[in-house]
PDB file of N, CA and C in Angstrom:
ATOM      1  N   MET A   1      32.196 -11.069 -24.403  1.00  0.00           N
ATOM      2  CA  MET A   1      31.730 -11.336 -23.063  1.00  0.00           C
ATOM      3  C   MET A   1      30.825 -12.560 -23.098  1.00  0.00           C
ATOM      4  N   THR A   2      31.026 -13.443 -22.203  1.00  0.00           N
ATOM      5  CA  THR A   2      30.278 -14.693 -22.221  1.00  0.00           C
ATOM      6  C   THR A   2      29.107 -14.713 -21.247  1.00  0.00           C
ATOM      7  N   ASN A   3      28.979 -13.729 -20.357  1.00  0.00           N
ATOM      8  CA  ASN A   3      27.903 -13.753 -19.365  1.00  0.00           C
ATOM      9  C   ASN A   3      26.627 -13.078 -19.843  1.00  0.00           C
ATOM     10  N   GLY A   4      26.532 -12.701 -21.091  1.00  0.00           N
ATOM     11  CA  GLY A   4      25.331 -12.102 -21.633  1.00  0.00           C
ATOM     12  C   GLY A   4      25.308 -10.587 -21.530  1.00  0.00           C
ATOM     13  N   ALA A   5      26.289  -9.994 -20.873  1.00  0.00           N
ATOM     14  CA  ALA A   5      26.327  -8.539 -20.761  1.00  0.00           C
ATOM     15  C   ALA A   5      26.756  -7.924 -22.085  1.00  0.00           C
ATOM     16  N   GLN A   6      26.207  -6.762 -22.377  1.00  0.00           N
ATOM     17  CA  GLN A   6      26.582  -6.089 -23.611  1.00  0.00           C
ATOM     18  C   GLN A   6      27.794  -5.205 -23.377  1.00  0.00           C
ATOM     19  N   HIS A   7      28.623  -5.151 -24.340  1.00  0.00           N
ATOM     20  CA  HIS A   7      29.783  -4.277 -24.335  1.00  0.00           C
ATOM     21  C   HIS A   7      29.347  -2.961 -24.961  1.00  0.00           C
ATOM     22  N   ALA A   8      29.913  -1.857 -24.520  1.00  0.00           N
ATOM     23  CA  ALA A   8      29.530  -0.537 -25.028  1.00  0.00           C
ATOM     24  C   ALA A   8      29.627  -0.467 -26.552  1.00  0.00           C
ATOM     25  N   ASP A   9      30.573  -1.186 -27.153  1.00  0.00           N
ATOM     26  CA  ASP A   9      30.727  -1.165 -28.608  1.00  0.00           C
ATOM     27  C   ASP A   9      29.589  -1.899 -29.318  1.00  0.00           C
ATOM     28  N   ASP A  10      28.817  -2.736 -28.582  1.00  0.00           N
ATOM     29  CA  ASP A  10      27.739  -3.520 -29.178  1.00  0.00           C
ATOM     30  C   ASP A  10      26.410  -2.768 -29.218  1.00  0.00           C
ATOM     31  N   ILE A  11      26.310  -1.641 -28.533  1.00  0.00           N
ATOM     32  CA  ILE A  11      25.053  -0.900 -28.458  1.00  0.00           C
ATOM     33  C   ILE A  11      24.919   0.000 -29.679  1.00  0.00           C
ATOM     34  N   THR A  12      23.753  -0.106 -30.333  1.00  0.00           N
ATOM     35  CA  THR A  12      23.479   0.726 -31.497  1.00  0.00           C
ATOM     36  C   THR A  12      22.354   1.692 -31.139  1.00  0.00           C
ATOM     37  N   PHE A  13      22.614   2.967 -31.245  1.00  0.00           N
ATOM     38  CA  PHE A  13      21.613   3.981 -30.959  1.00  0.00           C
ATOM     39  C   PHE A  13      21.005   4.450 -32.273  1.00  0.00           C
ATOM     40  N   LYS A  14      20.115   3.627 -32.799  1.00  0.00           N
ATOM     41  CA  LYS A  14      19.484   3.935 -34.072  1.00  0.00           C
ATOM     42  C   LYS A  14      18.011   4.255 -33.829  1.00  0.00           C
ATOM     43  N   VAL A  15      17.537   5.348 -34.386  1.00  0.00           N
ATOM     44  CA  VAL A  15      16.144   5.751 -34.251  1.00  0.00           C
ATOM     45  C   VAL A  15      15.303   4.963 -35.248  1.00  0.00           C
ATOM     46  N   ASP A  16      14.219   4.356 -34.773  1.00  0.00           N
ATOM     47  CA  ASP A  16      13.284   3.636 -35.636  1.00  0.00           C
ATOM     48  C   ASP A  16      12.336   4.662 -36.242  1.00  0.00           C
ATOM     49  N   LYS A  17      12.681   5.177 -37.392  1.00  0.00           N
ATOM     50  CA  LYS A  17      11.931   6.260 -38.029  1.00  0.00           C
ATOM     51  C   LYS A  17      10.542   5.847 -38.491  1.00  0.00           C
ATOM     52  N   ALA A  18      10.247   4.569 -38.514  1.00  0.00           N
ATOM     53  CA  ALA A  18       8.921   4.096 -38.927  1.00  0.00           C
ATOM     54  C   ALA A  18       7.937   4.057 -37.745  1.00  0.00           C
ATOM     55  N   HIS A  19       8.419   4.291 -36.533  1.00  0.00           N
ATOM     56  CA  HIS A  19       7.560   4.200 -35.347  1.00  0.00           C
ATOM     57  C   HIS A  19       7.778   5.398 -34.426  1.00  0.00           C
ATOM     58  N   LEU A  20       7.641   6.585 -34.965  1.00  0.00           N
ATOM     59  CA  LEU A  20       7.836   7.797 -34.183  1.00  0.00           C
ATOM     60  C   LEU A  20       6.511   8.297 -33.610  1.00  0.00           C
ATOM     61  N   TYR A  21       6.577   8.880 -32.399  1.00  0.00           N
ATOM     62  CA  TYR A  21       5.406   9.449 -31.743  1.00  0.00           C
ATOM     63  C   TYR A  21       5.782  10.783 -31.110  1.00  0.00           C
ATOM     64  N   ARG A  22       4.845  11.724 -31.162  1.00  0.00           N
ATOM     65  CA  ARG A  22       4.990  12.981 -30.432  1.00  0.00           C
ATOM     66  C   ARG A  22       4.217  12.800 -29.126  1.00  0.00           C
ATOM     67  N   GLU A  23       4.849  13.131 -28.012  1.00  0.00           N
ATOM     68  CA  GLU A  23       4.245  12.917 -26.698  1.00  0.00           C
ATOM     69  C   GLU A  23       3.751  14.225 -26.107  1.00  0.00           C
ATOM     70  N   GLU A  24       2.497  14.221 -25.670  1.00  0.00           N
ATOM     71  CA  GLU A  24       1.917  15.340 -24.938  1.00  0.00           C
ATOM     72  C   GLU A  24       1.444  14.804 -23.599  1.00  0.00           C
ATOM     73  N   THR A  25       1.575  15.597 -22.552  1.00  0.00           N
ATOM     74  CA  THR A  25       1.087  15.184 -21.246  1.00  0.00           C
ATOM     75  C   THR A  25      -0.054  16.101 -20.838  1.00  0.00           C
ATOM     76  N   ILE A  26      -1.166  15.493 -20.464  1.00  0.00           N
ATOM     77  CA  ILE A  26      -2.342  16.206 -20.008  1.00  0.00           C
ATOM     78  C   ILE A  26      -2.526  15.857 -18.544  1.00  0.00           C
ATOM     79  N   THR A  27      -2.686  16.856 -17.684  1.00  0.00           N
ATOM     80  CA  THR A  27      -2.822  16.595 -16.257  1.00  0.00           C
ATOM     81  C   THR A  27      -3.855  17.512 -15.641  1.00  0.00           C
ATOM     82  N   ASP A  28      -4.459  17.048 -14.547  1.00  0.00           N
ATOM     83  CA  ASP A  28      -5.375  17.899 -13.788  1.00  0.00           C
ATOM     84  C   ASP A  28      -4.652  18.558 -12.610  1.00  0.00           C
ATOM     85  N   LEU A  29      -3.336  18.403 -12.549  1.00  0.00           N
ATOM     86  CA  LEU A  29      -2.480  18.935 -11.486  1.00  0.00           C
ATOM     87  C   LEU A  29      -2.846  18.382 -10.113  1.00  0.00           C
ATOM     88  N   LYS A  30      -3.573  17.279 -10.094  1.00  0.00           N
ATOM     89  CA  LYS A  30      -3.925  16.628  -8.835  1.00  0.00           C
ATOM     90  C   LYS A  30      -3.418  15.200  -8.876  1.00  0.00           C
ATOM     91  N   LEU A  31      -4.201  14.331  -9.491  1.00  0.00           N
ATOM     92  CA  LEU A  31      -3.895  12.912  -9.487  1.00  0.00           C
ATOM     93  C   LEU A  31      -3.693  12.343 -10.883  1.00  0.00           C
ATOM     94  N   ALA A  32      -4.424  12.876 -11.845  1.00  0.00           N
ATOM     95  CA  ALA A  32      -4.454  12.284 -13.179  1.00  0.00           C
ATOM     96  C   ALA A  32      -3.372  12.845 -14.100  1.00  0.00           C
ATOM     97  N   SER A  33      -2.776  11.931 -14.838  1.00  0.00           N
ATOM     98  CA  SER A  33      -1.829  12.291 -15.897  1.00  0.00           C
ATOM     99  C   SER A  33      -2.088  11.349 -17.060  1.00  0.00           C
ATOM    100  N   ILE A  34      -2.341  11.928 -18.221  1.00  0.00           N
ATOM    101  CA  ILE A  34      -2.578  11.135 -19.422  1.00  0.00           C
ATOM    102  C   ILE A  34      -1.561  11.558 -20.474  1.00  0.00           C
ATOM    103  N   LYS A  35      -0.851  10.576 -20.999  1.00  0.00           N
ATOM    104  CA  LYS A  35       0.084  10.841 -22.094  1.00  0.00           C
ATOM    105  C   LYS A  35      -0.628  10.527 -23.400  1.00  0.00           C
ATOM    106  N   LYS A  36      -0.570  11.474 -24.305  1.00  0.00           N
ATOM    107  CA  LYS A  36      -1.131  11.284 -25.641  1.00  0.00           C
ATOM    108  C   LYS A  36       0.044  11.130 -26.597  1.00  0.00           C
ATOM    109  N   LEU A  37       0.137   9.967 -27.221  1.00  0.00           N
ATOM    110  CA  LEU A  37       1.221   9.681 -28.149  1.00  0.00           C
ATOM    111  C   LEU A  37       0.648   9.707 -29.562  1.00  0.00           C
ATOM    112  N   THR A  38       0.979  10.762 -30.294  1.00  0.00           N
ATOM    113  CA  THR A  38       0.476  10.952 -31.652  1.00  0.00           C
ATOM    114  C   THR A  38       1.511  10.427 -32.635  1.00  0.00           C
ATOM    115  N   PRO A  39       1.118   9.487 -33.514  1.00  0.00           N
ATOM    116  CA  PRO A  39       2.081   8.974 -34.484  1.00  0.00           C
ATOM    117  C   PRO A  39       2.475  10.062 -35.480  1.00  0.00           C
ATOM    118  N   ILE A  40       3.763  10.132 -35.751  1.00  0.00           N
ATOM    119  CA  ILE A  40       4.264  11.122 -36.702  1.00  0.00           C
ATOM    120  C   ILE A  40       5.225  10.470 -37.694  1.00  0.00           C
ATOM    121  N   LEU A  41       5.423  11.161 -38.796  1.00  0.00           N
ATOM    122  CA  LEU A  41       6.413  10.756 -39.800  1.00  0.00           C
ATOM    123  C   LEU A  41       7.743  11.409 -39.467  1.00  0.00           C
ATOM    124  N   ALA A  42       8.785  10.999 -40.130  1.00  0.00           N
ATOM    125  CA  ALA A  42      10.127  11.513 -39.857  1.00  0.00           C
ATOM    126  C   ALA A  42      10.231  13.025 -40.076  1.00  0.00           C
ATOM    127  N   ASP A  43       9.341  13.586 -40.907  1.00  0.00           N
ATOM    128  CA  ASP A  43       9.379  15.042 -41.135  1.00  0.00           C
ATOM    129  C   ASP A  43       8.591  15.817 -40.070  1.00  0.00           C
ATOM    130  N   GLY A  44       8.000  15.101 -39.104  1.00  0.00           N
ATOM    131  CA  GLY A  44       7.262  15.743 -38.033  1.00  0.00           C
ATOM    132  C   GLY A  44       5.772  15.860 -38.277  1.00  0.00           C
ATOM    133  N   SER A  45       5.328  15.549 -39.475  1.00  0.00           N
ATOM    134  CA  SER A  45       3.893  15.620 -39.764  1.00  0.00           C
ATOM    135  C   SER A  45       3.192  14.397 -39.178  1.00  0.00           C
ATOM    136  N   GLU A  46       1.884  14.536 -38.920  1.00  0.00           N
ATOM    137  CA  GLU A  46       1.131  13.430 -38.332  1.00  0.00           C
ATOM    138  C   GLU A  46       1.001  12.277 -39.314  1.00  0.00           C
ATOM    139  N   ASP A  47       1.106  11.069 -38.779  1.00  0.00           N
ATOM    140  CA  ASP A  47       0.948   9.847 -39.565  1.00  0.00           C
ATOM    141  C   ASP A  47      -0.464   9.328 -39.320  1.00  0.00           C
ATOM    142  N   ASN A  48      -1.374   9.622 -40.225  1.00  0.00           N
ATOM    143  CA  ASN A  48      -2.776   9.258 -40.056  1.00  0.00           C
ATOM    144  C   ASN A  48      -3.060   7.780 -40.318  1.00  0.00           C
ATOM    145  N   THR A  49      -2.045   6.996 -40.667  1.00  0.00           N
ATOM    146  CA  THR A  49      -2.249   5.563 -40.902  1.00  0.00           C
ATOM    147  C   THR A  49      -2.150   4.763 -39.605  1.00  0.00           C
ATOM    148  N   ARG A  50      -1.660   5.393 -38.532  1.00  0.00           N
ATOM    149  CA  ARG A  50      -1.535   4.711 -37.240  1.00  0.00           C
ATOM    150  C   ARG A  50      -2.412   5.411 -36.200  1.00  0.00           C
ATOM    151  N   GLU A  51      -2.807   4.655 -35.177  1.00  0.00           N
ATOM    152  CA  GLU A  51      -3.684   5.194 -34.143  1.00  0.00           C
ATOM    153  C   GLU A  51      -2.900   5.938 -33.064  1.00  0.00           C
ATOM    154  N   THR A  52      -3.536   6.941 -32.508  1.00  0.00           N
ATOM    155  CA  THR A  52      -2.999   7.646 -31.351  1.00  0.00           C
ATOM    156  C   THR A  52      -3.090   6.715 -30.144  1.00  0.00           C
ATOM    157  N   ILE A  53      -2.077   6.758 -29.292  1.00  0.00           N
ATOM    158  CA  ILE A  53      -2.029   5.932 -28.087  1.00  0.00           C
ATOM    159  C   ILE A  53      -2.202   6.841 -26.872  1.00  0.00           C
ATOM    160  N   PHE A  54      -3.022   6.395 -25.913  1.00  0.00           N
ATOM    161  CA  PHE A  54      -3.194   7.109 -24.657  1.00  0.00           C
ATOM    162  C   PHE A  54      -2.708   6.226 -23.518  1.00  0.00           C
ATOM    163  N   LEU A  55      -1.914   6.809 -22.615  1.00  0.00           N
ATOM    164  CA  LEU A  55      -1.415   6.105 -21.437  1.00  0.00           C
ATOM    165  C   LEU A  55      -1.821   6.881 -20.192  1.00  0.00           C
ATOM    166  N   GLY A  56      -2.466   6.197 -19.265  1.00  0.00           N
ATOM    167  CA  GLY A  56      -2.801   6.815 -17.990  1.00  0.00           C
ATOM    168  C   GLY A  56      -1.685   6.560 -17.003  1.00  0.00           C
ATOM    169  N   ALA A  57      -1.385   7.555 -16.185  1.00  0.00           N
ATOM    170  CA  ALA A  57      -0.317   7.402 -15.198  1.00  0.00           C
ATOM    171  C   ALA A  57      -0.707   8.109 -13.914  1.00  0.00           C
ATOM    172  N   SER A  58      -0.317   7.516 -12.809  1.00  0.00           N
ATOM    173  CA  SER A  58      -0.504   8.114 -11.497  1.00  0.00           C
ATOM    174  C   SER A  58       0.523   7.481 -10.568  1.00  0.00           C
ATOM    175  N   GLN A  59       0.338   7.641  -9.288  1.00  0.00           N
ATOM    176  CA  GLN A  59       1.281   7.032  -8.351  1.00  0.00           C
ATOM    177  C   GLN A  59       0.596   6.745  -7.038  1.00  0.00           C
ATOM    178  N   LEU A  60       1.113   5.734  -6.364  1.00  0.00           N
ATOM    179  CA  LEU A  60       0.669   5.372  -5.028  1.00  0.00           C
ATOM    180  C   LEU A  60       1.750   5.788  -4.050  1.00  0.00           C
ATOM    181  N   THR A  61       1.348   6.377  -2.938  1.00  0.00           N
ATOM    182  CA  THR A  61       2.303   6.730  -1.896  1.00  0.00           C
ATOM    183  C   THR A  61       2.191   5.689  -0.791  1.00  0.00           C
ATOM    184  N   THR A  62       3.322   5.055  -0.491  1.00  0.00           N
ATOM    185  CA  THR A  62       3.371   4.027   0.540  1.00  0.00           C
ATOM    186  C   THR A  62       4.429   4.411   1.573  1.00  0.00           C
ATOM    187  N   PRO A  63       4.436   3.752   2.722  1.00  0.00           N
ATOM    188  CA  PRO A  63       5.498   4.020   3.705  1.00  0.00           C
ATOM    189  C   PRO A  63       6.903   3.746   3.139  1.00  0.00           C
ATOM    190  N   GLN A  64       6.987   2.865   2.139  1.00  0.00           N
ATOM    191  CA  GLN A  64       8.279   2.539   1.540  1.00  0.00           C
ATOM    192  C   GLN A  64       8.658   3.496   0.411  1.00  0.00           C
ATOM    193  N   GLY A  65       7.743   4.355   0.002  1.00  0.00           N
ATOM    194  CA  GLY A  65       8.032   5.300  -1.067  1.00  0.00           C
ATOM    195  C   GLY A  65       6.915   5.339  -2.093  1.00  0.00           C
ATOM    196  N   VAL A  66       7.158   6.067  -3.157  1.00  0.00           N
ATOM    197  CA  VAL A  66       6.173   6.261  -4.212  1.00  0.00           C
ATOM    198  C   VAL A  66       6.271   5.122  -5.227  1.00  0.00           C
ATOM    199  N   ILE A  67       5.108   4.601  -5.627  1.00  0.00           N
ATOM    200  CA  ILE A  67       5.059   3.549  -6.634  1.00  0.00           C
ATOM    201  C   ILE A  67       4.339   4.112  -7.857  1.00  0.00           C
ATOM    202  N   PRO A  68       5.040   4.256  -8.978  1.00  0.00           N
ATOM    203  CA  PRO A  68       4.366   4.746 -10.184  1.00  0.00           C
ATOM    204  C   PRO A  68       3.483   3.647 -10.780  1.00  0.00           C
ATOM    205  N   ILE A  69       2.320   4.036 -11.286  1.00  0.00           N
ATOM    206  CA  ILE A  69       1.449   3.098 -11.985  1.00  0.00           C
ATOM    207  C   ILE A  69       1.103   3.679 -13.344  1.00  0.00           C
ATOM    208  N   GLN A  70       1.020   2.813 -14.326  1.00  0.00           N
ATOM    209  CA  GLN A  70       0.745   3.249 -15.696  1.00  0.00           C
ATOM    210  C   GLN A  70      -0.056   2.172 -16.404  1.00  0.00           C
ATOM    211  N   SER A  71      -0.982   2.595 -17.258  1.00  0.00           N
ATOM    212  CA  SER A  71      -1.798   1.652 -17.994  1.00  0.00           C
ATOM    213  C   SER A  71      -2.186   2.255 -19.341  1.00  0.00           C
ATOM    214  N   ARG A  72      -2.184   1.428 -20.354  1.00  0.00           N
ATOM    215  CA  ARG A  72      -2.658   1.883 -21.655  1.00  0.00           C
ATOM    216  C   ARG A  72      -4.172   2.055 -21.572  1.00  0.00           C
ATOM    217  N   LEU A  73      -4.653   3.151 -22.114  1.00  0.00           N
ATOM    218  CA  LEU A  73      -6.080   3.451 -22.122  1.00  0.00           C
ATOM    219  C   LEU A  73      -6.598   3.188 -23.528  1.00  0.00           C
ATOM    220  N   LYS A  74      -7.521   2.267 -23.651  1.00  0.00           N
ATOM    221  CA  LYS A  74      -8.056   1.915 -24.967  1.00  0.00           C
ATOM    222  C   LYS A  74      -9.110   2.949 -25.355  1.00  0.00           C
ATOM    223  N   ALA A  75      -8.617   4.085 -25.851  1.00  0.00           N
ATOM    224  CA  ALA A  75      -9.476   5.216 -26.173  1.00  0.00           C
ATOM    225  C   ALA A  75      -9.176   5.737 -27.573  1.00  0.00           C
ATOM    226  N   LYS A  76     -10.179   6.338 -28.171  1.00  0.00           N
ATOM    227  CA  LYS A  76     -10.037   6.938 -29.507  1.00  0.00           C
ATOM    228  C   LYS A  76      -9.862   8.451 -29.424  1.00  0.00           C
ATOM    229  N   SER A  77     -10.140   9.032 -28.244  1.00  0.00           N
ATOM    230  CA  SER A  77     -10.039  10.484 -28.084  1.00  0.00           C
ATOM    231  C   SER A  77      -9.574  10.795 -26.661  1.00  0.00           C
ATOM    232  N   LEU A  78      -9.139  12.019 -26.451  1.00  0.00           N
ATOM    233  CA  LEU A  78      -8.719  12.442 -25.118  1.00  0.00           C
ATOM    234  C   LEU A  78      -9.909  12.399 -24.160  1.00  0.00           C
ATOM    235  N   ASP A  79     -11.070  12.837 -24.604  1.00  0.00           N
ATOM    236  CA  ASP A  79     -12.254  12.816 -23.755  1.00  0.00           C
ATOM    237  C   ASP A  79     -12.565  11.390 -23.293  1.00  0.00           C
ATOM    238  N   GLN A  80     -12.501  10.452 -24.213  1.00  0.00           N
ATOM    239  CA  GLN A  80     -12.739   9.048 -23.876  1.00  0.00           C
ATOM    240  C   GLN A  80     -11.651   8.541 -22.920  1.00  0.00           C
ATOM    241  N   ALA A  81     -10.409   8.934 -23.140  1.00  0.00           N
ATOM    242  CA  ALA A  81      -9.307   8.519 -22.262  1.00  0.00           C
ATOM    243  C   ALA A  81      -9.532   9.012 -20.834  1.00  0.00           C
ATOM    244  N   MET A  82     -10.032  10.243 -20.694  1.00  0.00           N
ATOM    245  CA  MET A  82     -10.308  10.769 -19.356  1.00  0.00           C
ATOM    246  C   MET A  82     -11.424   9.980 -18.678  1.00  0.00           C
ATOM    247  N   ASP A  83     -12.408   9.534 -19.445  1.00  0.00           N
ATOM    248  CA  ASP A  83     -13.496   8.734 -18.883  1.00  0.00           C
ATOM    249  C   ASP A  83     -13.014   7.346 -18.461  1.00  0.00           C
ATOM    250  N   ILE A  84     -12.098   6.773 -19.205  1.00  0.00           N
ATOM    251  CA  ILE A  84     -11.577   5.434 -18.936  1.00  0.00           C
ATOM    252  C   ILE A  84     -10.543   5.435 -17.803  1.00  0.00           C
ATOM    253  N   PHE A  85      -9.880   6.556 -17.612  1.00  0.00           N
ATOM    254  CA  PHE A  85      -8.772   6.681 -16.670  1.00  0.00           C
ATOM    255  C   PHE A  85      -9.063   6.105 -15.278  1.00  0.00           C
ATOM    256  N   PRO A  86     -10.167   6.490 -14.595  1.00  0.00           N
ATOM    257  CA  PRO A  86     -10.369   5.987 -13.223  1.00  0.00           C
ATOM    258  C   PRO A  86     -10.413   4.467 -13.129  1.00  0.00           C
ATOM    259  N   ALA A  87     -11.167   3.823 -14.001  1.00  0.00           N
ATOM    260  CA  ALA A  87     -11.280   2.360 -13.948  1.00  0.00           C
ATOM    261  C   ALA A  87      -9.946   1.693 -14.272  1.00  0.00           C
ATOM    262  N   ALA A  88      -9.219   2.241 -15.239  1.00  0.00           N
ATOM    263  CA  ALA A  88      -7.921   1.662 -15.615  1.00  0.00           C
ATOM    264  C   ALA A  88      -6.926   1.762 -14.463  1.00  0.00           C
ATOM    265  N   MET A  89      -6.928   2.887 -13.754  1.00  0.00           N
ATOM    266  CA  MET A  89      -6.011   3.048 -12.628  1.00  0.00           C
ATOM    267  C   MET A  89      -6.410   2.128 -11.477  1.00  0.00           C
ATOM    268  N   GLU A  90      -7.711   1.953 -11.259  1.00  0.00           N
ATOM    269  CA  GLU A  90      -8.182   1.053 -10.201  1.00  0.00           C
ATOM    270  C   GLU A  90      -7.729  -0.382 -10.482  1.00  0.00           C
ATOM    271  N   ILE A  91      -7.861  -0.813 -11.724  1.00  0.00           N
ATOM    272  CA  ILE A  91      -7.408  -2.163 -12.092  1.00  0.00           C
ATOM    273  C   ILE A  91      -5.909  -2.303 -11.850  1.00  0.00           C
ATOM    274  N   LYS A  92      -5.147  -1.292 -12.246  1.00  0.00           N
ATOM    275  CA  LYS A  92      -3.694  -1.346 -12.073  1.00  0.00           C
ATOM    276  C   LYS A  92      -3.325  -1.356 -10.589  1.00  0.00           C
ATOM    277  N   VAL A  93      -4.020  -0.571  -9.774  1.00  0.00           N
ATOM    278  CA  VAL A  93      -3.755  -0.558  -8.331  1.00  0.00           C
ATOM    279  C   VAL A  93      -4.030  -1.939  -7.741  1.00  0.00           C
ATOM    280  N   GLN A  94      -5.132  -2.561  -8.127  1.00  0.00           N
ATOM    281  CA  GLN A  94      -5.452  -3.899  -7.625  1.00  0.00           C
ATOM    282  C   GLN A  94      -4.374  -4.906  -8.023  1.00  0.00           C
ATOM    283  N   GLN A  95      -3.843  -4.784  -9.242  1.00  0.00           N
ATOM    284  CA  GLN A  95      -2.770  -5.673  -9.695  1.00  0.00           C
ATOM    285  C   GLN A  95      -1.513  -5.464  -8.852  1.00  0.00           C
ATOM    286  N   VAL A  96      -1.183  -4.213  -8.572  1.00  0.00           N
ATOM    287  CA  VAL A  96       0.000  -3.907  -7.756  1.00  0.00           C
ATOM    288  C   VAL A  96      -0.176  -4.450  -6.343  1.00  0.00           C
ATOM    289  N   LEU A  97      -1.354  -4.242  -5.758  1.00  0.00           N
ATOM    290  CA  LEU A  97      -1.601  -4.735  -4.404  1.00  0.00           C
ATOM    291  C   LEU A  97      -1.533  -6.258  -4.347  1.00  0.00           C
ATOM    292  N   LYS A  98      -2.079  -6.923  -5.360  1.00  0.00           N
ATOM    293  CA  LYS A  98      -2.023  -8.385  -5.423  1.00  0.00           C
ATOM    294  C   LYS A  98      -0.571  -8.859  -5.519  1.00  0.00           C
ATOM    295  N   HIS A  99       0.218  -8.167  -6.322  1.00  0.00           N
ATOM    296  CA  HIS A  99       1.631  -8.524  -6.474  1.00  0.00           C
ATOM    297  C   HIS A  99       2.367  -8.378  -5.130  1.00  0.00           C
ATOM    298  N   PHE A 100       2.125  -7.267  -4.425  1.00  0.00           N
ATOM    299  CA  PHE A 100       2.774  -7.074  -3.130  1.00  0.00           C
ATOM    300  C   PHE A 100       2.325  -8.119  -2.119  1.00  0.00           C
ATOM    301  N   GLN A 101       1.067  -8.509  -2.155  1.00  0.00           N
ATOM    302  CA  GLN A 101       0.571  -9.551  -1.258  1.00  0.00           C
ATOM    303  C   GLN A 101       1.277 -10.876  -1.534  1.00  0.00           C
ATOM    304  N   GLN A 102       1.462 -11.188  -2.832  1.00  0.00           N
ATOM    305  CA  GLN A 102       2.170 -12.420  -3.197  1.00  0.00           C
ATOM    306  C   GLN A 102       3.613 -12.386  -2.712  1.00  0.00           C
ATOM    307  N   LEU A 103       4.272 -11.234  -2.849  1.00  0.00           N
ATOM    308  CA  LEU A 103       5.649 -11.102  -2.363  1.00  0.00           C
ATOM    309  C   LEU A 103       5.718 -11.285  -0.850  1.00  0.00           C
ATOM    310  N   LYS A 104       4.753 -10.709  -0.142  1.00  0.00           N
ATOM    311  CA  LYS A 104       4.706 -10.838   1.311  1.00  0.00           C
ATOM    312  C   LYS A 104       4.538 -12.291   1.722  1.00  0.00           C
ATOM    313  N   GLU A 105       3.638 -13.001   1.054  1.00  0.00           N
ATOM    314  CA  GLU A 105       3.412 -14.415   1.349  1.00  0.00           C
ATOM    315  C   GLU A 105       4.664 -15.247   1.067  1.00  0.00           C
ATOM    316  N   GLN A 106       5.365 -14.949  -0.019  1.00  0.00           N
ATOM    317  CA  GLN A 106       6.593 -15.665  -0.344  1.00  0.00           C
ATOM    318  C   GLN A 106       7.645 -15.444   0.737  1.00  0.00           C
ATOM    319  N   GLN A 107       7.775 -14.204   1.211  1.00  0.00           N
ATOM    320  CA  GLN A 107       8.747 -13.908   2.262  1.00  0.00           C
ATOM    321  C   GLN A 107       8.396 -14.640   3.552  1.00  0.00           C
ATOM    322  N   GLU A 108       7.107 -14.679   3.883  1.00  0.00           N
ATOM    323  CA  GLU A 108       6.676 -15.372   5.099  1.00  0.00           C
ATOM    324  C   GLU A 108       6.933 -16.879   4.988  1.00  0.00           C
ATOM    325  N   ASN A 109       6.788 -17.445   3.800  1.00  0.00           N
ATOM    326  CA  ASN A 109       7.051 -18.879   3.591  1.00  0.00           C
ATOM    327  C   ASN A 109       8.525 -19.223   3.705  1.00  0.00           C
ATOM    328  N   LEU A 110       9.394 -18.233   3.489  1.00  0.00           N
ATOM    329  CA  LEU A 110      10.828 -18.473   3.584  1.00  0.00           C
ATOM    330  C   LEU A 110      11.315 -18.474   5.026  1.00  0.00           C
ATOM    331  N   LYS A 111      10.511 -17.958   5.927  1.00  0.00           N
ATOM    332  CA  LYS A 111      10.926 -17.870   7.344  1.00  0.00           C
ATOM    333  C   LYS A 111      10.822 -19.199   8.033  1.00  0.00           C
TER     334      LYS A 111
END
């Protein structure tokens, strides 16, 4: 194929066994959702040579539908991730709003 599209025969479904994570989701059943990604080895045991990753996730409800937002939380523990969560989500919301404002301005300039 010359247009850059991949053919089904070209796709390789190979697991990168050197970069495995176990995912846990922590939620307050209201607004906050934090994913804890614990590095593991191929045998399922924890890989203590790599850091745990925390991701904050939430969503914005708009007249056009739900917009998911997600941000990496630079935390060393779940407690720290919960403390960082509000500010990280606020920053992400501001970025999303700025992006939508830019799109709106571009559309208005095309008229």
